[in-house]
Amino acid sequence: MFCVVKSKSIKYVLVVLLASILLAISINGAVSAEVFFGYSTRKVPIYCVQTNEPQVAISFDAAWGADKTKQIVDICKEYNVRATFFLVGFWVDKHPDMVEYIDQNGFEIGTHSNTHPDMTKLGSEAQSLELDKCTEMITKITNKPVELFRAPFGAYNNSLLEVAESKGLKTIQWDVDSLDWKGLSAEAITMRILNGVKNGSIILCHNNSDHIVEALPMILDRLQKKGYKVGAVGDLVYSDNYTIDRTGLQKLLV
């Protein structure tokens, strides 16, 4: 009898130990316990916003090239749309006239880092420097504070989000990726956006992709005909009294 009880006890201990190991294993960047039990120790940026209003935000990342930027601003204005531009520091340094044009036409400007590195590979001090240098350059041109940040490559970790938050920056991802940088046709870009968008979506585009100028009028026209109000990220996200769930959905606290 003693041997049987001891055997069962050993098996129980082994099962508990195995379960602990499995729940500590990473699944797509989250530990298994987060997946199975629904909690998360990982901070998450804003991917989209919970709202009943047919409202979406459109954004353009700018790191290389500027020859289409004025056209993008002008097309948006034709459709009475205010968009958000996330600018990299070396782009700002090279194209201050375009930064002025974006700002003077009432568009929102966020930072996309200073040199476009994978910021998860940097320490908190280097992450801080990346944010400070770019925001300082933008503010020097616009005389306005920068309130939004988009991580290069969409790569983030707790350290980066904490550093950004300490500087009063909301970190913004996206839930609709146009994939315009892949050289898709204007129609393909448009259909990707139309098929993915919902109330509270944040759309990712790039200011110098091959067919963005041809696609943008179709995107804005069709979204508006579907009843969506298209605007800047800052017009969509909540400024305070909110929470962000583990999927990146920003919700107002009840």
Protein backbone atom coordinates (compact mmCIF):
# COMPACT_ATOMS: atom_id res chain seq x y z
CA MET A 1 0.00 0.00 0.00
CA PHE A 2 2.84 2.35 0.88
CA CYS A 3 4.43 1.90 -2.54
CA VAL A 4 1.15 2.64 -4.34
CA VAL A 5 0.59 5.90 -2.45
CA LYS A 6 4.16 6.97 -3.08
CA SER A 7 3.85 6.23 -6.80
CA LYS A 8 0.67 8.30 -7.07
CA SER A 9 2.32 11.18 -5.23
CA ILE A 10 5.30 11.12 -7.56
CA LYS A 11 3.02 11.10 -10.60
CA TYR A 12 1.06 14.06 -9.21
CA VAL A 13 4.23 16.06 -8.62
CA LEU A 14 5.46 15.28 -12.13
CA VAL A 15 2.13 16.35 -13.67
CA VAL A 16 2.19 19.65 -11.75
CA LEU A 17 5.80 20.25 -12.75
CA LEU A 18 5.09 19.50 -16.41
CA ALA A 19 2.06 21.79 -16.40
CA SER A 20 4.14 24.60 -14.90
CA ILE A 21 6.78 24.21 -17.59
CA LEU A 22 4.21 24.15 -20.40
CA LEU A 23 2.45 27.24 -19.09
CA ALA A 24 5.76 29.10 -19.02
CA ILE A 25 6.51 28.32 -22.66
CA SER A 26 6.10 31.23 -25.08
CA ILE A 27 3.33 31.01 -27.69
CA ASN A 28 3.65 33.69 -30.36
CA GLY A 29 5.36 36.02 -27.90
CA ALA A 30 3.00 35.40 -24.98
CA VAL A 31 3.50 32.86 -22.26
CA SER A 32 1.09 29.92 -22.37
CA ALA A 33 -0.52 30.91 -19.09
CA GLU A 34 -1.59 34.16 -20.70
CA VAL A 35 -3.24 32.27 -23.54
CA PHE A 36 -4.99 29.63 -21.42
CA PHE A 37 -6.01 31.77 -18.48
CA GLY A 38 -6.60 35.06 -20.29
CA TYR A 39 -4.24 37.32 -18.38
CA SER A 40 -1.16 39.10 -19.66
CA THR A 41 1.96 40.56 -18.14
CA ARG A 42 2.92 42.05 -21.48
CA LYS A 43 2.04 45.65 -22.25
CA VAL A 44 0.23 46.25 -25.54
CA PRO A 45 -0.07 49.37 -27.71
CA ILE A 46 -3.30 50.58 -29.30
CA TYR A 47 -4.24 48.54 -32.38
CA CYS A 48 -7.83 49.76 -32.70
CA VAL A 49 -10.56 51.47 -30.71
CA GLN A 50 -13.86 50.17 -29.38
CA THR A 51 -16.62 52.42 -30.70
CA ASN A 52 -20.13 52.13 -32.07
CA GLU A 53 -19.46 55.04 -34.41
CA PRO A 54 -18.52 54.32 -38.05
CA GLN A 55 -15.20 56.07 -37.57
CA VAL A 56 -11.69 54.99 -38.64
CA ALA A 57 -8.21 56.52 -38.73
CA ILE A 58 -5.77 56.51 -41.63
CA SER A 59 -2.03 56.86 -41.10
CA PHE A 60 1.09 57.13 -43.24
CA ASP A 61 4.57 56.10 -42.10
CA ALA A 62 7.36 58.21 -43.62
CA ALA A 63 10.95 57.01 -43.57
CA TRP A 64 12.23 57.01 -47.16
CA GLY A 65 11.23 59.32 -49.97
CA ALA A 66 8.95 62.35 -49.94
CA ASP A 67 7.92 62.99 -53.53
CA LYS A 68 4.33 61.74 -52.99
CA THR A 69 3.73 63.36 -49.63
CA LYS A 70 2.25 66.62 -50.93
CA GLN A 71 -0.12 64.67 -53.21
CA ILE A 72 -1.28 62.54 -50.28
CA VAL A 73 -2.04 65.65 -48.22
CA ASP A 74 -3.86 67.29 -51.14
CA ILE A 75 -5.95 64.19 -51.89
CA CYS A 76 -6.94 63.85 -48.24
CA LYS A 77 -8.00 67.50 -48.20
CA GLU A 78 -10.18 66.93 -51.29
CA TYR A 79 -12.09 64.35 -49.28
CA ASN A 80 -12.13 66.48 -46.12
CA VAL A 81 -9.93 63.93 -44.34
CA ARG A 82 -7.30 64.71 -41.71
CA ALA A 83 -4.71 61.93 -41.53
CA THR A 84 -1.75 61.14 -39.26
CA PHE A 85 1.86 61.02 -40.47
CA PHE A 86 4.40 59.09 -38.40
CA LEU A 87 7.78 60.58 -39.27
CA VAL A 88 11.29 59.20 -38.77
CA GLY A 89 13.88 61.69 -37.53
CA PHE A 90 16.22 61.43 -40.51
CA TRP A 91 13.21 62.03 -42.80
CA VAL A 92 12.31 65.14 -40.81
CA ASP A 93 15.90 66.37 -41.05
CA LYS A 94 15.96 65.82 -44.80
CA HIS A 95 12.47 67.15 -45.60
CA PRO A 96 11.61 69.99 -43.18
CA ASP A 97 9.57 71.65 -45.91
CA MET A 98 7.30 68.60 -46.09
CA VAL A 99 6.94 68.55 -42.30
CA GLU A 100 5.80 72.17 -42.52
CA TYR A 101 3.38 71.35 -45.33
CA ILE A 102 1.84 68.46 -43.39
CA ASP A 103 1.47 70.58 -40.27
CA GLN A 104 0.25 73.77 -41.94
CA ASN A 105 -2.52 71.83 -43.65
CA GLY A 106 -3.85 70.66 -40.31
CA PHE A 107 -2.59 67.09 -40.33
CA GLU A 108 -1.38 65.24 -37.26
CA ILE A 109 2.28 64.30 -36.83
CA GLY A 110 3.62 61.49 -34.67
CA THR A 111 7.11 60.09 -34.21
CA HIS A 112 8.31 56.90 -35.88
CA SER A 113 11.67 56.99 -34.02
CA ASN A 114 14.83 58.85 -34.99
CA THR A 115 16.73 56.28 -37.06
CA HIS A 116 14.13 53.48 -37.60
CA PRO A 117 15.87 50.69 -35.66
CA ASP A 118 14.28 47.62 -34.11
CA MET A 119 13.81 49.33 -30.77
CA THR A 120 13.27 46.07 -28.90
CA LYS A 121 17.00 45.49 -29.34
CA LEU A 122 17.84 48.74 -27.56
CA GLY A 123 18.13 49.46 -23.87
CA SER A 124 15.72 51.93 -22.27
CA GLU A 125 18.26 54.77 -22.45
CA ALA A 126 18.75 54.30 -26.20
CA GLN A 127 14.99 53.96 -26.69
CA SER A 128 14.52 57.24 -24.87
CA LEU A 129 17.11 58.94 -27.08
CA GLU A 130 15.39 57.68 -30.25
CA LEU A 131 12.12 59.24 -29.12
CA ASP A 132 13.57 62.49 -27.79
CA LYS A 133 15.64 63.36 -30.87
CA CYS A 134 12.76 62.90 -33.30
CA THR A 135 10.10 64.65 -31.23
CA GLU A 136 12.43 67.59 -30.63
CA MET A 137 13.00 68.02 -34.38
CA ILE A 138 9.28 67.82 -35.14
CA THR A 139 8.37 70.28 -32.38
CA LYS A 140 11.08 72.71 -33.52
CA ILE A 141 9.37 72.89 -36.93
CA THR A 142 5.71 72.79 -35.86
CA ASN A 143 5.86 74.40 -32.40
CA LYS A 144 3.49 71.63 -31.30
CA PRO A 145 4.02 68.73 -28.90
CA VAL A 146 4.17 65.21 -30.30
CA GLU A 147 1.66 62.87 -28.66
CA LEU A 148 1.77 59.69 -30.75
CA PHE A 149 4.46 57.11 -31.46
CA ARG A 150 4.60 54.18 -33.85
CA ALA A 151 7.39 51.66 -33.37
CA PRO A 152 9.54 50.82 -36.40
CA PHE A 153 8.56 47.44 -37.88
CA GLY A 154 5.73 47.37 -35.33
CA ALA A 155 8.23 45.84 -32.88
CA TYR A 156 7.72 46.66 -29.22
CA ASN A 157 8.35 45.38 -25.72
CA ASN A 158 7.42 46.47 -22.20
CA SER A 159 10.48 48.68 -21.91
CA LEU A 160 9.67 50.62 -25.08
CA LEU A 161 6.02 51.14 -24.14
CA GLU A 162 6.99 52.28 -20.67
CA VAL A 163 9.58 54.73 -22.02
CA ALA A 164 7.06 56.12 -24.52
CA GLU A 165 4.39 56.44 -21.84
CA SER A 166 6.80 58.27 -19.55
CA LYS A 167 7.16 60.90 -22.28
CA GLY A 168 3.40 61.30 -22.71
CA LEU A 169 3.35 59.33 -25.96
CA LYS A 170 0.62 56.87 -26.90
CA THR A 171 2.06 53.94 -28.85
CA ILE A 172 -0.05 53.23 -31.94
CA GLN A 173 -0.12 50.05 -33.99
CA TRP A 174 -2.78 49.17 -36.60
CA ASP A 175 -5.38 46.52 -37.27
CA VAL A 176 -5.64 47.10 -41.04
CA ASP A 177 -2.40 46.75 -43.00
CA SER A 178 -2.60 47.98 -46.59
CA LEU A 179 0.65 46.18 -47.50
CA ASP A 180 1.16 49.04 -49.95
CA TRP A 181 4.94 48.72 -49.48
CA LYS A 182 4.85 45.36 -51.26
CA GLY A 183 4.10 46.98 -54.61
CA LEU A 184 0.43 45.94 -54.68
CA SER A 185 -1.78 47.54 -57.30
CA ALA A 186 -4.01 50.46 -56.32
CA GLU A 187 -7.08 48.23 -56.50
CA ALA A 188 -5.43 45.51 -54.37
CA ILE A 189 -4.47 48.07 -51.73
CA THR A 190 -8.00 49.44 -51.71
CA MET A 191 -9.63 46.03 -51.38
CA ARG A 192 -7.31 44.99 -48.53
CA ILE A 193 -8.40 48.04 -46.59
CA LEU A 194 -12.10 47.74 -47.40
CA ASN A 195 -12.14 44.05 -46.49
CA GLY A 196 -10.37 44.60 -43.19
CA VAL A 197 -11.86 47.79 -41.85
CA LYS A 198 -14.43 48.05 -39.05
CA ASN A 199 -15.57 50.69 -36.57
CA GLY A 200 -12.51 51.95 -34.71
CA SER A 201 -9.91 50.61 -37.15
CA ILE A 202 -6.48 52.16 -37.59
CA ILE A 203 -5.22 51.85 -41.18
CA LEU A 204 -1.51 51.59 -41.98
CA CYS A 205 -0.17 53.07 -45.23
CA HIS A 206 3.19 54.49 -46.32
CA ASN A 207 3.87 57.89 -47.82
CA ASN A 208 6.10 56.66 -50.63
CA SER A 209 4.70 53.28 -51.65
CA ASP A 210 4.41 52.58 -55.36
CA HIS A 211 0.66 53.00 -55.88
CA ILE A 212 -0.57 54.91 -52.83
CA VAL A 213 -1.40 58.05 -54.81
CA GLU A 214 -3.59 56.08 -57.23
CA ALA A 215 -5.16 54.06 -54.40
CA LEU A 216 -5.94 56.86 -51.96
CA PRO A 217 -8.88 58.45 -53.84
CA MET A 218 -10.50 55.01 -54.19
CA ILE A 219 -9.88 54.21 -50.52
CA LEU A 220 -11.36 57.44 -49.21
CA ASP A 221 -14.27 57.51 -51.66
CA ARG A 222 -15.34 53.92 -50.91
CA LEU A 223 -14.90 54.25 -47.16
CA GLN A 224 -17.03 57.39 -47.12
CA LYS A 225 -19.68 55.77 -49.29
CA LYS A 226 -19.79 52.93 -46.76
CA GLY A 227 -20.58 55.55 -44.13
CA TYR A 228 -17.20 55.76 -42.44
CA LYS A 229 -15.81 59.01 -41.13
CA VAL A 230 -12.09 58.91 -41.91
CA GLY A 231 -9.74 60.97 -39.77
CA ALA A 232 -6.50 61.18 -37.83
CA VAL A 233 -5.48 58.73 -35.12
CA GLY A 234 -5.72 61.44 -32.48
CA ASP A 235 -9.35 62.03 -33.47
CA LEU A 236 -10.15 58.36 -32.88
CA VAL A 237 -8.25 57.23 -29.78
CA TYR A 238 -9.40 58.07 -26.26
CA SER A 239 -7.16 60.54 -24.45
CA ASP A 240 -7.85 59.33 -20.92
CA ASN A 241 -10.02 57.08 -18.75
CA TYR A 242 -9.32 54.03 -20.91
CA THR A 243 -7.85 50.56 -20.85
CA ILE A 244 -6.17 48.44 -23.54
CA ASP A 245 -6.96 44.72 -23.61
CA ARG A 246 -4.46 42.04 -24.61
CA THR A 247 -5.56 42.24 -28.27
CA GLY A 248 -4.72 45.97 -28.41
CA LEU A 249 -8.35 47.13 -28.32
CA GLN A 250 -8.60 50.49 -26.55
CA LYS A 251 -11.78 50.75 -24.45
CA LEU A 252 -13.29 53.45 -22.33
CA LEU A 253 -13.52 52.56 -18.64
CA VAL A 254 -17.14 52.27 -17.53
